[in-house]
PDB file of N, CA and C in Angstrom:
ATOM      1  N   MET A   1     270.009 -15.115 -39.516  1.00  0.00           N
ATOM      2  CA  MET A   1     270.125 -16.386 -40.194  1.00  0.00           C
ATOM      3  C   MET A   1     271.356 -16.367 -41.082  1.00  0.00           C
ATOM      4  N   ASN A   2     272.013 -17.492 -41.195  1.00  0.00           N
ATOM      5  CA  ASN A   2     273.276 -17.618 -41.889  1.00  0.00           C
ATOM      6  C   ASN A   2     273.054 -18.288 -43.248  1.00  0.00           C
ATOM      7  N   ILE A   3     272.829 -17.510 -44.298  1.00  0.00           N
ATOM      8  CA  ILE A   3     272.643 -18.059 -45.637  1.00  0.00           C
ATOM      9  C   ILE A   3     273.732 -17.497 -46.538  1.00  0.00           C
ATOM     10  N   CYS A   4     274.397 -18.408 -47.264  1.00  0.00           N
ATOM     11  CA  CYS A   4     275.490 -18.021 -48.150  1.00  0.00           C
ATOM     12  C   CYS A   4     275.201 -18.512 -49.560  1.00  0.00           C
ATOM     13  N   PHE A   5     275.672 -17.765 -50.543  1.00  0.00           N
ATOM     14  CA  PHE A   5     275.572 -18.138 -51.946  1.00  0.00           C
ATOM     15  C   PHE A   5     276.974 -18.140 -52.524  1.00  0.00           C
ATOM     16  N   PHE A   6     277.355 -19.212 -53.216  1.00  0.00           N
ATOM     17  CA  PHE A   6     278.679 -19.316 -53.819  1.00  0.00           C
ATOM     18  C   PHE A   6     278.560 -19.831 -55.248  1.00  0.00           C
ATOM     19  N   ILE A   7     279.474 -19.378 -56.086  1.00  0.00           N
ATOM     20  CA  ILE A   7     279.636 -19.905 -57.437  1.00  0.00           C
ATOM     21  C   ILE A   7     281.091 -20.324 -57.549  1.00  0.00           C
ATOM     22  N   GLY A   8     281.323 -21.538 -58.031  1.00  0.00           N
ATOM     23  CA  GLY A   8     282.691 -21.998 -58.136  1.00  0.00           C
ATOM     24  C   GLY A   8     282.817 -23.275 -58.936  1.00  0.00           C
ATOM     25  N   LYS A   9     284.029 -23.816 -58.923  1.00  0.00           N
ATOM     26  CA  LYS A   9     284.386 -25.008 -59.691  1.00  0.00           C
ATOM     27  C   LYS A   9     284.721 -26.135 -58.726  1.00  0.00           C
ATOM     28  N   ILE A  10     284.171 -27.315 -58.975  1.00  0.00           N
ATOM     29  CA  ILE A  10     284.458 -28.483 -58.138  1.00  0.00           C
ATOM     30  C   ILE A  10     285.861 -28.978 -58.469  1.00  0.00           C
ATOM     31  N   ILE A  11     286.710 -29.136 -57.435  1.00  0.00           N
ATOM     32  CA  ILE A  11     288.096 -29.537 -57.672  1.00  0.00           C
ATOM     33  C   ILE A  11     288.446 -30.878 -57.027  1.00  0.00           C
ATOM     34  N   SER A  12     287.452 -31.590 -56.510  1.00  0.00           N
ATOM     35  CA  SER A  12     287.719 -32.905 -55.925  1.00  0.00           C
ATOM     36  C   SER A  12     286.601 -33.868 -56.303  1.00  0.00           C
ATOM     37  N   ASP A  13     286.855 -35.140 -56.108  1.00  0.00           N
ATOM     38  CA  ASP A  13     285.808 -36.138 -56.318  1.00  0.00           C
ATOM     39  C   ASP A  13     284.718 -35.955 -55.269  1.00  0.00           C
ATOM     40  N   ILE A  14     283.514 -36.390 -55.600  1.00  0.00           N
ATOM     41  CA  ILE A  14     282.405 -36.355 -54.656  1.00  0.00           C
ATOM     42  C   ILE A  14     282.531 -37.603 -53.783  1.00  0.00           C
ATOM     43  N   ASP A  15     282.760 -37.415 -52.504  1.00  0.00           N
ATOM     44  CA  ASP A  15     282.929 -38.523 -51.562  1.00  0.00           C
ATOM     45  C   ASP A  15     281.604 -38.758 -50.846  1.00  0.00           C
ATOM     46  N   LEU A  16     281.021 -39.938 -51.042  1.00  0.00           N
ATOM     47  CA  LEU A  16     279.733 -40.266 -50.428  1.00  0.00           C
ATOM     48  C   LEU A  16     279.972 -41.190 -49.242  1.00  0.00           C
ATOM     49  N   LYS A  17     279.496 -40.772 -48.075  1.00  0.00           N
ATOM     50  CA  LYS A  17     279.651 -41.553 -46.847  1.00  0.00           C
ATOM     51  C   LYS A  17     278.285 -41.772 -46.223  1.00  0.00           C
ATOM     52  N   PHE A  18     278.208 -42.770 -45.360  1.00  0.00           N
ATOM     53  CA  PHE A  18     276.962 -43.079 -44.667  1.00  0.00           C
ATOM     54  C   PHE A  18     277.205 -43.158 -43.176  1.00  0.00           C
ATOM     55  N   ILE A  19     276.279 -42.599 -42.398  1.00  0.00           N
ATOM     56  CA  ILE A  19     276.273 -42.726 -40.941  1.00  0.00           C
ATOM     57  C   ILE A  19     275.077 -43.592 -40.590  1.00  0.00           C
ATOM     58  N   VAL A  20     275.339 -44.702 -39.923  1.00  0.00           N
ATOM     59  CA  VAL A  20     274.274 -45.639 -39.581  1.00  0.00           C
ATOM     60  C   VAL A  20     274.003 -45.534 -38.089  1.00  0.00           C
ATOM     61  N   ASN A  21     272.789 -45.117 -37.739  1.00  0.00           N
ATOM     62  CA  ASN A  21     272.341 -45.032 -36.352  1.00  0.00           C
ATOM     63  C   ASN A  21     271.212 -46.032 -36.136  1.00  0.00           C
ATOM     64  N   ASP A  22     270.795 -46.194 -34.897  1.00  0.00           N
ATOM     65  CA  ASP A  22     269.695 -47.095 -34.600  1.00  0.00           C
ATOM     66  C   ASP A  22     268.383 -46.619 -35.213  1.00  0.00           C
ATOM     67  N   LYS A  23     268.163 -45.297 -35.210  1.00  0.00           N
ATOM     68  CA  LYS A  23     266.871 -44.762 -35.638  1.00  0.00           C
ATOM     69  C   LYS A  23     266.832 -44.375 -37.109  1.00  0.00           C
ATOM     70  N   LYS A  24     267.942 -43.875 -37.669  1.00  0.00           N
ATOM     71  CA  LYS A  24     267.935 -43.471 -39.070  1.00  0.00           C
ATOM     72  C   LYS A  24     269.339 -43.535 -39.653  1.00  0.00           C
ATOM     73  N   ASN A  25     269.393 -43.608 -40.964  1.00  0.00           N
ATOM     74  CA  ASN A  25     270.650 -43.606 -41.693  1.00  0.00           C
ATOM     75  C   ASN A  25     270.805 -42.267 -42.403  1.00  0.00           C
ATOM     76  N   THR A  26     272.022 -41.759 -42.455  1.00  0.00           N
ATOM     77  CA  THR A  26     272.280 -40.461 -43.060  1.00  0.00           C
ATOM     78  C   THR A  26     273.357 -40.596 -44.128  1.00  0.00           C
ATOM     79  N   ALA A  27     273.105 -40.053 -45.304  1.00  0.00           N
ATOM     80  CA  ALA A  27     274.093 -40.001 -46.379  1.00  0.00           C
ATOM     81  C   ALA A  27     274.738 -38.617 -46.369  1.00  0.00           C
ATOM     82  N   ILE A  28     276.056 -38.570 -46.583  1.00  0.00           N
ATOM     83  CA  ILE A  28     276.786 -37.305 -46.624  1.00  0.00           C
ATOM     84  C   ILE A  28     277.671 -37.293 -47.868  1.00  0.00           C
ATOM     85  N   ALA A  29     277.541 -36.253 -48.691  1.00  0.00           N
ATOM     86  CA  ALA A  29     278.429 -36.028 -49.834  1.00  0.00           C
ATOM     87  C   ALA A  29     279.358 -34.877 -49.472  1.00  0.00           C
ATOM     88  N   ILE A  30     280.649 -35.085 -49.675  1.00  0.00           N
ATOM     89  CA  ILE A  30     281.657 -34.078 -49.336  1.00  0.00           C
ATOM     90  C   ILE A  30     282.521 -33.818 -50.565  1.00  0.00           C
ATOM     91  N   PHE A  31     282.741 -32.530 -50.869  1.00  0.00           N
ATOM     92  CA  PHE A  31     283.644 -32.176 -51.970  1.00  0.00           C
ATOM     93  C   PHE A  31     284.229 -30.791 -51.730  1.00  0.00           C
ATOM     94  N   LYS A  32     285.262 -30.458 -52.521  1.00  0.00           N
ATOM     95  CA  LYS A  32     285.931 -29.162 -52.434  1.00  0.00           C
ATOM     96  C   LYS A  32     285.483 -28.283 -53.589  1.00  0.00           C
ATOM     97  N   LEU A  33     285.238 -27.012 -53.293  1.00  0.00           N
ATOM     98  CA  LEU A  33     284.798 -26.029 -54.274  1.00  0.00           C
ATOM     99  C   LEU A  33     285.794 -24.878 -54.299  1.00  0.00           C
ATOM    100  N   LYS A  34     286.330 -24.576 -55.481  1.00  0.00           N
ATOM    101  CA  LYS A  34     287.250 -23.447 -55.630  1.00  0.00           C
ATOM    102  C   LYS A  34     286.444 -22.228 -56.047  1.00  0.00           C
ATOM    103  N   VAL A  35     286.396 -21.228 -55.167  1.00  0.00           N
ATOM    104  CA  VAL A  35     285.592 -20.033 -55.400  1.00  0.00           C
ATOM    105  C   VAL A  35     286.401 -18.992 -56.166  1.00  0.00           C
ATOM    106  N   ASN A  36     287.632 -18.772 -55.781  1.00  0.00           N
ATOM    107  CA  ASN A  36     288.549 -17.903 -56.523  1.00  0.00           C
ATOM    108  C   ASN A  36     289.963 -18.456 -56.337  1.00  0.00           C
ATOM    109  N   GLU A  37     290.973 -17.705 -56.723  1.00  0.00           N
ATOM    110  CA  GLU A  37     292.349 -18.217 -56.680  1.00  0.00           C
ATOM    111  C   GLU A  37     292.804 -18.624 -55.275  1.00  0.00           C
ATOM    112  N   ASN A  38     292.339 -17.935 -54.258  1.00  0.00           N
ATOM    113  CA  ASN A  38     292.837 -18.167 -52.901  1.00  0.00           C
ATOM    114  C   ASN A  38     291.828 -18.818 -51.966  1.00  0.00           C
ATOM    115  N   CYS A  39     290.645 -19.122 -52.422  1.00  0.00           N
ATOM    116  CA  CYS A  39     289.597 -19.614 -51.530  1.00  0.00           C
ATOM    117  C   CYS A  39     289.065 -20.968 -51.999  1.00  0.00           C
ATOM    118  N   ILE A  40     289.282 -21.989 -51.159  1.00  0.00           N
ATOM    119  CA  ILE A  40     288.757 -23.328 -51.419  1.00  0.00           C
ATOM    120  C   ILE A  40     287.878 -23.707 -50.236  1.00  0.00           C
ATOM    121  N   LEU A  41     286.636 -24.079 -50.521  1.00  0.00           N
ATOM    122  CA  LEU A  41     285.667 -24.414 -49.484  1.00  0.00           C
ATOM    123  C   LEU A  41     285.393 -25.909 -49.461  1.00  0.00           C
ATOM    124  N   THR A  42     285.135 -26.430 -48.277  1.00  0.00           N
ATOM    125  CA  THR A  42     284.633 -27.786 -48.132  1.00  0.00           C
ATOM    126  C   THR A  42     283.120 -27.703 -48.087  1.00  0.00           C
ATOM    127  N   VAL A  43     282.457 -28.492 -48.933  1.00  0.00           N
ATOM    128  CA  VAL A  43     281.000 -28.470 -49.046  1.00  0.00           C
ATOM    129  C   VAL A  43     280.464 -29.828 -48.619  1.00  0.00           C
ATOM    130  N   LYS A  44     279.412 -29.806 -47.785  1.00  0.00           N
ATOM    131  CA  LYS A  44     278.767 -31.034 -47.338  1.00  0.00           C
ATOM    132  C   LYS A  44     277.281 -30.968 -47.630  1.00  0.00           C
ATOM    133  N   GLY A  45     276.763 -32.042 -48.192  1.00  0.00           N
ATOM    134  CA  GLY A  45     275.336 -32.161 -48.435  1.00  0.00           C
ATOM    135  C   GLY A  45     274.824 -33.423 -47.772  1.00  0.00           C
ATOM    136  N   TYR A  46     273.626 -33.379 -47.238  1.00  0.00           N
ATOM    137  CA  TYR A  46     273.075 -34.505 -46.491  1.00  0.00           C
ATOM    138  C   TYR A  46     271.852 -35.087 -47.186  1.00  0.00           C
ATOM    139  N   ASN A  47     271.690 -36.395 -47.058  1.00  0.00           N
ATOM    140  CA  ASN A  47     270.530 -37.172 -47.505  1.00  0.00           C
ATOM    141  C   ASN A  47     270.183 -36.944 -48.976  1.00  0.00           C
ATOM    142  N   ASN A  48     269.033 -36.349 -49.298  1.00  0.00           N
ATOM    143  CA  ASN A  48     268.616 -36.189 -50.695  1.00  0.00           C
ATOM    144  C   ASN A  48     269.583 -35.314 -51.480  1.00  0.00           C
ATOM    145  N   VAL A  49     270.105 -34.280 -50.866  1.00  0.00           N
ATOM    146  CA  VAL A  49     271.078 -33.414 -51.531  1.00  0.00           C
ATOM    147  C   VAL A  49     272.367 -34.190 -51.797  1.00  0.00           C
ATOM    148  N   ALA A  50     272.759 -35.058 -50.884  1.00  0.00           N
ATOM    149  CA  ALA A  50     273.954 -35.893 -51.066  1.00  0.00           C
ATOM    150  C   ALA A  50     273.783 -36.816 -52.266  1.00  0.00           C
ATOM    151  N   ASP A  51     272.622 -37.426 -52.396  1.00  0.00           N
ATOM    152  CA  ASP A  51     272.345 -38.296 -53.545  1.00  0.00           C
ATOM    153  C   ASP A  51     272.403 -37.512 -54.853  1.00  0.00           C
ATOM    154  N   LEU A  52     271.814 -36.332 -54.870  1.00  0.00           N
ATOM    155  CA  LEU A  52     271.832 -35.474 -56.050  1.00  0.00           C
ATOM    156  C   LEU A  52     273.268 -35.116 -56.442  1.00  0.00           C
ATOM    157  N   CYS A  53     274.079 -34.747 -55.458  1.00  0.00           N
ATOM    158  CA  CYS A  53     275.478 -34.386 -55.722  1.00  0.00           C
ATOM    159  C   CYS A  53     276.249 -35.570 -56.286  1.00  0.00           C
ATOM    160  N   TYR A  54     276.096 -36.732 -55.673  1.00  0.00           N
ATOM    161  CA  TYR A  54     276.849 -37.906 -56.089  1.00  0.00           C
ATOM    162  C   TYR A  54     276.477 -38.355 -57.507  1.00  0.00           C
ATOM    163  N   LYS A  55     275.209 -38.249 -57.865  1.00  0.00           N
ATOM    164  CA  LYS A  55     274.743 -38.699 -59.179  1.00  0.00           C
ATOM    165  C   LYS A  55     275.050 -37.708 -60.298  1.00  0.00           C
ATOM    166  N   ASN A  56     275.013 -36.406 -60.006  1.00  0.00           N
ATOM    167  CA  ASN A  56     275.038 -35.408 -61.069  1.00  0.00           C
ATOM    168  C   ASN A  56     276.294 -34.542 -61.150  1.00  0.00           C
ATOM    169  N   LEU A  57     277.158 -34.580 -60.137  1.00  0.00           N
ATOM    170  CA  LEU A  57     278.317 -33.694 -60.138  1.00  0.00           C
ATOM    171  C   LEU A  57     279.614 -34.470 -60.337  1.00  0.00           C
ATOM    172  N   SER A  58     280.606 -33.781 -60.891  1.00  0.00           N
ATOM    173  CA  SER A  58     281.933 -34.368 -61.043  1.00  0.00           C
ATOM    174  C   SER A  58     282.973 -33.248 -61.035  1.00  0.00           C
ATOM    175  N   ILE A  59     284.235 -33.644 -61.070  1.00  0.00           N
ATOM    176  CA  ILE A  59     285.330 -32.673 -61.075  1.00  0.00           C
ATOM    177  C   ILE A  59     285.185 -31.763 -62.297  1.00  0.00           C
ATOM    178  N   ASN A  60     285.528 -30.494 -62.119  1.00  0.00           N
ATOM    179  CA  ASN A  60     285.529 -29.440 -63.144  1.00  0.00           C
ATOM    180  C   ASN A  60     284.138 -28.928 -63.511  1.00  0.00           C
ATOM    181  N   ASN A  61     283.077 -29.366 -62.829  1.00  0.00           N
ATOM    182  CA  ASN A  61     281.756 -28.764 -63.025  1.00  0.00           C
ATOM    183  C   ASN A  61     281.724 -27.400 -62.341  1.00  0.00           C
ATOM    184  N   TYR A  62     281.074 -26.438 -62.986  1.00  0.00           N
ATOM    185  CA  TYR A  62     280.821 -25.144 -62.356  1.00  0.00           C
ATOM    186  C   TYR A  62     279.420 -25.183 -61.771  1.00  0.00           C
ATOM    187  N   ILE A  63     279.302 -24.778 -60.504  1.00  0.00           N
ATOM    188  CA  ILE A  63     278.023 -24.837 -59.816  1.00  0.00           C
ATOM    189  C   ILE A  63     277.747 -23.537 -59.067  1.00  0.00           C
ATOM    190  N   ALA A  64     276.474 -23.316 -58.807  1.00  0.00           N
ATOM    191  CA  ALA A  64     276.025 -22.268 -57.883  1.00  0.00           C
ATOM    192  C   ALA A  64     275.343 -22.998 -56.748  1.00  0.00           C
ATOM    193  N   LEU A  65     275.631 -22.591 -55.526  1.00  0.00           N
ATOM    194  CA  LEU A  65     275.031 -23.278 -54.391  1.00  0.00           C
ATOM    195  C   LEU A  65     274.549 -22.301 -53.342  1.00  0.00           C
ATOM    196  N   GLN A  66     273.596 -22.777 -52.567  1.00  0.00           N
ATOM    197  CA  GLN A  66     273.056 -22.040 -51.433  1.00  0.00           C
ATOM    198  C   GLN A  66     273.224 -22.930 -50.219  1.00  0.00           C
ATOM    199  N   GLY A  67     273.695 -22.348 -49.132  1.00  0.00           N
ATOM    200  CA  GLY A  67     273.881 -23.126 -47.913  1.00  0.00           C
ATOM    201  C   GLY A  67     274.156 -22.238 -46.736  1.00  0.00           C
ATOM    202  N   LYS A  68     274.634 -22.875 -45.674  1.00  0.00           N
ATOM    203  CA  LYS A  68     275.024 -22.094 -44.500  1.00  0.00           C
ATOM    204  C   LYS A  68     276.447 -22.458 -44.126  1.00  0.00           C
ATOM    205  N   LEU A  69     277.134 -21.526 -43.533  1.00  0.00           N
ATOM    206  CA  LEU A  69     278.515 -21.696 -43.115  1.00  0.00           C
ATOM    207  C   LEU A  69     278.519 -22.120 -41.659  1.00  0.00           C
ATOM    208  N   ASN A  70     279.144 -23.262 -41.354  1.00  0.00           N
ATOM    209  CA  ASN A  70     279.170 -23.715 -39.964  1.00  0.00           C
ATOM    210  C   ASN A  70     280.424 -23.218 -39.245  1.00  0.00           C
ATOM    211  N   SER A  71     280.608 -23.605 -38.005  1.00  0.00           N
ATOM    212  CA  SER A  71     281.722 -23.112 -37.196  1.00  0.00           C
ATOM    213  C   SER A  71     283.079 -23.619 -37.670  1.00  0.00           C
ATOM    214  N   LYS A  72     283.099 -24.688 -38.464  1.00  0.00           N
ATOM    215  CA  LYS A  72     284.351 -25.231 -39.015  1.00  0.00           C
ATOM    216  C   LYS A  72     284.669 -24.635 -40.384  1.00  0.00           C
ATOM    217  N   MET A  73     283.929 -23.593 -40.775  1.00  0.00           N
ATOM    218  CA  MET A  73     284.074 -22.938 -42.068  1.00  0.00           C
ATOM    219  C   MET A  73     283.803 -23.895 -43.222  1.00  0.00           C
ATOM    220  N   GLU A  74     282.813 -24.769 -43.047  1.00  0.00           N
ATOM    221  CA  GLU A  74     282.336 -25.663 -44.087  1.00  0.00           C
ATOM    222  C   GLU A  74     280.949 -25.200 -44.508  1.00  0.00           C
ATOM    223  N   VAL A  75     280.629 -25.383 -45.776  1.00  0.00           N
ATOM    224  CA  VAL A  75     279.317 -25.002 -46.283  1.00  0.00           C
ATOM    225  C   VAL A  75     278.402 -26.217 -46.205  1.00  0.00           C
ATOM    226  N   ILE A  76     277.288 -26.074 -45.487  1.00  0.00           N
ATOM    227  CA  ILE A  76     276.262 -27.110 -45.426  1.00  0.00           C
ATOM    228  C   ILE A  76     275.249 -26.777 -46.508  1.00  0.00           C
ATOM    229  N   LEU A  77     275.127 -27.659 -47.475  1.00  0.00           N
ATOM    230  CA  LEU A  77     274.399 -27.412 -48.703  1.00  0.00           C
ATOM    231  C   LEU A  77     272.892 -27.495 -48.512  1.00  0.00           C
ATOM    232  N   TYR A  78     272.165 -26.467 -49.019  1.00  0.00           N
ATOM    233  CA  TYR A  78     270.707 -26.463 -49.065  1.00  0.00           C
ATOM    234  C   TYR A  78     270.212 -26.779 -50.474  1.00  0.00           C
ATOM    235  N   SER A  79     270.777 -26.084 -51.467  1.00  0.00           N
ATOM    236  CA  SER A  79     270.383 -26.311 -52.855  1.00  0.00           C
ATOM    237  C   SER A  79     271.583 -26.068 -53.758  1.00  0.00           C
ATOM    238  N   ILE A  80     271.490 -26.632 -54.961  1.00  0.00           N
ATOM    239  CA  ILE A  80     272.613 -26.567 -55.890  1.00  0.00           C
ATOM    240  C   ILE A  80     272.089 -26.459 -57.316  1.00  0.00           C
ATOM    241  N   GLU A  81     272.841 -25.763 -58.159  1.00  0.00           N
ATOM    242  CA  GLU A  81     272.480 -25.651 -59.570  1.00  0.00           C
ATOM    243  C   GLU A  81     273.737 -25.808 -60.409  1.00  0.00           C
ATOM    244  N   LEU A  82     273.652 -26.657 -61.409  1.00  0.00           N
ATOM    245  CA  LEU A  82     274.771 -26.948 -62.303  1.00  0.00           C
ATOM    246  C   LEU A  82     274.719 -26.026 -63.504  1.00  0.00           C
ATOM    247  N   PHE A  83     275.880 -25.480 -63.901  1.00  0.00           N
ATOM    248  CA  PHE A  83     275.954 -24.616 -65.098  1.00  0.00           C
ATOM    249  C   PHE A  83     276.285 -25.441 -66.302  1.00  0.00           C
TER     250      PHE A  83
END
């Protein structure tokens, strides 16, 4: 199983997007996380996690997150904690 834990600083605005399908609608929050000097990750959260990110996070927040790394080297968010 692919589970990753990261601590870092948010360096971009939280971008909230919606995918509208016939059967269900999906919310996606996308932002950049700076883990260290040379590593910047793209983080994506879906549905309830996306709403939580959009309402509670902003640029320069330090967060700890749990997720999985996909084939595009993006972190798919499972849970998040604000410092």
